[in-house]
Amino acid sequence: MALEIERRFLLRSDGWRALVTGQVAIRDGLLLSDVGGKLRVRVTDGQATLTRKGPRLGFTRHEYEYPIPLAEAEEMMALLARGRILTKRRSFVPVGDLVWSVDEYDDPLRDVILAEVELPSEAHPLPLPDWAGEEITDDPAWRRSALLVRALATVIKPSLG
């Protein structure tokens, strides 16, 4: 059974930047988002994946990820994501026995920077680095799908015609 055990945080400072060991550019297309979770297509370094994530139960949710042909991922982004595409730069920051991911988003979420860390179990101790701020794992307002909907609502004004 594929499980993702993840906690997400706002940042208190940019102290994480000095600890970065690698970066990758990511493009995500949201294909479906509902109470059952989400379906996403992702392109990273010329590789593509299709991911289905279930609803969260605590810090845990079911996650199934499959490699797909890059051409099919591009087609899904163009035909099915319908503008719900985010690009970001992910930095990898080792802290103790874990590697944190810090995501810096491009437009329409420019200036949004979030940190997340995947844990081997919910009971795994998580001492927070001094640059980690408020935890937002359970806050639906900070889910990427919610951020995207709000950002697009400010860019795309409804027609009054």
Protein backbone atom coordinates (compact mmCIF):
# COMPACT_ATOMS: atom_id res chain seq x y z
CA MET A 1 0.00 0.00 0.00
CA ALA A 2 1.45 3.37 -1.04
CA LEU A 3 1.27 5.97 1.73
CA GLU A 4 2.44 9.56 1.90
CA ILE A 5 3.09 10.86 5.42
CA GLU A 6 3.77 14.55 5.05
CA ARG A 7 3.76 17.73 7.12
CA ARG A 8 3.75 21.24 5.62
CA PHE A 9 4.94 24.57 7.03
CA LEU A 10 5.19 28.26 6.32
CA LEU A 11 8.70 29.70 6.58
CA ARG A 12 9.92 31.96 9.35
CA SER A 13 13.17 32.96 7.61
CA ASP A 14 15.35 32.14 4.62
CA GLY A 15 17.93 30.31 6.77
CA TRP A 16 17.17 27.15 4.77
CA ARG A 17 18.84 28.60 1.67
CA ALA A 18 22.37 28.01 2.99
CA LEU A 19 21.54 24.32 3.49
CA VAL A 20 20.22 23.50 -0.02
CA THR A 21 21.88 20.44 -1.57
CA GLY A 22 19.94 20.35 -4.85
CA GLN A 23 17.09 21.84 -6.85
CA VAL A 24 14.64 20.77 -9.52
CA ALA A 25 12.06 22.58 -11.66
CA ILE A 26 8.55 21.11 -11.46
CA ARG A 27 5.39 21.66 -13.50
CA ASP A 28 2.14 20.30 -12.03
CA GLY A 29 -1.21 20.09 -13.77
CA LEU A 30 -4.26 19.54 -11.57
CA LEU A 31 -6.61 17.21 -13.42
CA LEU A 32 -9.16 16.54 -10.67
CA SER A 33 -9.72 17.74 -7.12
CA ASP A 34 -12.61 16.57 -4.96
CA VAL A 35 -13.37 15.31 -1.45
CA GLY A 36 -11.74 12.01 -2.45
CA GLY A 37 -8.37 13.67 -3.10
CA LYS A 38 -6.72 14.80 -6.31
CA LEU A 39 -5.30 13.61 -9.59
CA ARG A 40 -2.17 15.37 -10.83
CA VAL A 41 0.17 15.15 -13.80
CA ARG A 42 3.76 16.27 -13.16
CA VAL A 43 6.77 16.97 -15.37
CA THR A 44 10.24 17.10 -13.80
CA ASP A 45 13.55 16.91 -15.65
CA GLY A 46 11.93 15.55 -18.81
CA GLN A 47 10.17 12.76 -16.87
CA ALA A 48 6.41 12.62 -16.31
CA THR A 49 4.19 11.03 -13.67
CA LEU A 50 0.49 10.67 -13.01
CA THR A 51 -0.39 10.75 -9.31
CA ARG A 52 -3.63 10.00 -7.47
CA LYS A 53 -3.73 11.17 -3.85
CA GLY A 54 -6.53 10.21 -1.50
CA PRO A 55 -8.01 12.28 1.34
CA ARG A 56 -5.81 13.04 4.33
CA LEU A 57 -6.21 11.11 7.56
CA GLY A 58 -3.99 12.99 9.99
CA PHE A 59 -0.65 13.45 8.24
CA THR A 60 -1.20 10.37 6.06
CA ARG A 61 -2.93 9.67 2.78
CA HIS A 62 -2.83 7.05 0.08
CA GLU A 63 -0.69 8.07 -2.90
CA TYR A 64 -0.24 6.20 -6.16
CA GLU A 65 2.28 7.52 -8.67
CA TYR A 66 3.02 6.10 -12.11
CA PRO A 67 5.50 7.10 -14.81
CA ILE A 68 3.81 8.08 -18.08
CA PRO A 69 5.14 9.13 -21.48
CA LEU A 70 6.18 12.80 -21.56
CA ALA A 71 4.07 13.44 -24.68
CA GLU A 72 0.95 12.17 -22.89
CA ALA A 73 1.70 14.35 -19.86
CA GLU A 74 2.01 17.42 -22.09
CA GLU A 75 -1.28 16.52 -23.79
CA MET A 76 -3.02 16.11 -20.41
CA MET A 77 -1.69 19.50 -19.29
CA ALA A 78 -2.95 21.15 -22.46
CA LEU A 79 -6.33 19.42 -22.70
CA LEU A 80 -7.34 18.44 -19.17
CA ALA A 81 -5.61 20.76 -16.70
CA ARG A 82 -7.45 23.76 -18.24
CA GLY A 83 -5.12 26.42 -16.83
CA ARG A 84 -4.69 24.71 -13.45
CA ILE A 85 -0.94 24.41 -13.92
CA LEU A 86 1.66 25.46 -11.37
CA THR A 87 5.40 25.77 -11.84
CA LYS A 88 7.83 25.85 -8.98
CA ARG A 89 11.44 25.36 -8.02
CA ARG A 90 11.92 22.69 -5.35
CA SER A 91 15.00 22.89 -3.14
CA PHE A 92 16.17 19.91 -1.08
CA VAL A 93 17.28 20.72 2.47
CA PRO A 94 18.64 17.91 4.69
CA VAL A 95 17.86 18.28 8.39
CA GLY A 96 18.89 15.40 10.63
CA ASP A 97 17.71 12.12 9.10
CA LEU A 98 15.09 13.79 6.88
CA VAL A 99 15.17 15.84 3.69
CA TRP A 100 12.83 18.83 3.58
CA SER A 101 11.46 20.18 0.29
CA VAL A 102 11.08 23.93 -0.05
CA ASP A 103 8.88 25.00 -2.96
CA GLU A 104 9.11 28.48 -4.50
CA TYR A 105 6.22 29.05 -6.90
CA ASP A 106 6.10 31.04 -10.13
CA ASP A 107 3.09 33.07 -11.33
CA PRO A 108 0.27 33.06 -10.43
CA LEU A 109 1.62 32.10 -6.97
CA ARG A 110 4.81 34.14 -7.12
CA ASP A 111 6.15 34.88 -3.62
CA VAL A 112 4.51 31.75 -2.13
CA ILE A 113 7.21 29.62 -0.49
CA LEU A 114 6.24 26.49 1.46
CA ALA A 115 8.23 23.75 3.16
CA GLU A 116 7.20 20.13 3.50
CA VAL A 117 8.79 17.01 4.87
CA GLU A 118 7.86 13.37 4.31
CA LEU A 119 8.11 11.13 7.36
CA PRO A 120 8.61 7.35 7.62
CA SER A 121 5.71 7.21 10.13
CA GLU A 122 3.33 9.60 11.88
CA ALA A 123 5.13 8.85 15.16
CA HIS A 124 8.55 9.83 13.74
CA PRO A 125 9.99 12.70 15.82
CA LEU A 126 10.17 15.99 13.95
CA PRO A 127 12.36 18.60 15.57
CA LEU A 128 11.67 21.79 13.62
CA PRO A 129 14.54 23.76 12.14
CA ASP A 130 14.61 27.42 13.22
CA TRP A 131 13.49 28.54 9.74
CA ALA A 132 10.25 26.49 9.87
CA GLY A 133 7.23 28.54 10.92
CA GLU A 134 3.55 27.78 11.40
CA GLU A 135 2.37 24.29 10.48
CA ILE A 136 -0.27 24.30 7.72
CA THR A 137 -0.69 20.57 7.13
CA ASP A 138 -4.35 20.58 8.19
CA ASP A 139 -5.24 24.04 6.88
CA PRO A 140 -7.29 23.66 3.67
CA ALA A 141 -6.57 27.30 2.74
CA TRP A 142 -2.91 26.34 2.12
CA ARG A 143 -3.55 23.34 -0.14
CA ARG A 144 -2.09 23.91 -3.59
CA SER A 145 -5.46 23.42 -5.25
CA ALA A 146 -7.01 26.12 -3.01
CA LEU A 147 -4.08 28.49 -3.62
CA LEU A 148 -4.44 28.00 -7.37
CA VAL A 149 -8.20 28.63 -7.34
CA ARG A 150 -7.69 31.88 -5.37
CA ALA A 151 -4.83 33.02 -7.59
CA LEU A 152 -6.77 32.35 -10.79
CA ALA A 153 -9.82 34.16 -9.39
CA THR A 154 -7.73 37.34 -9.06
CA VAL A 155 -6.30 36.96 -12.58
CA ILE A 156 -9.46 35.91 -14.40
CA LYS A 157 -12.30 38.33 -13.70
CA PRO A 158 -15.85 37.08 -14.36
CA SER A 159 -17.52 38.60 -17.39
CA LEU A 160 -20.36 40.98 -16.60
CA GLY A 161 -21.47 41.13 -20.27
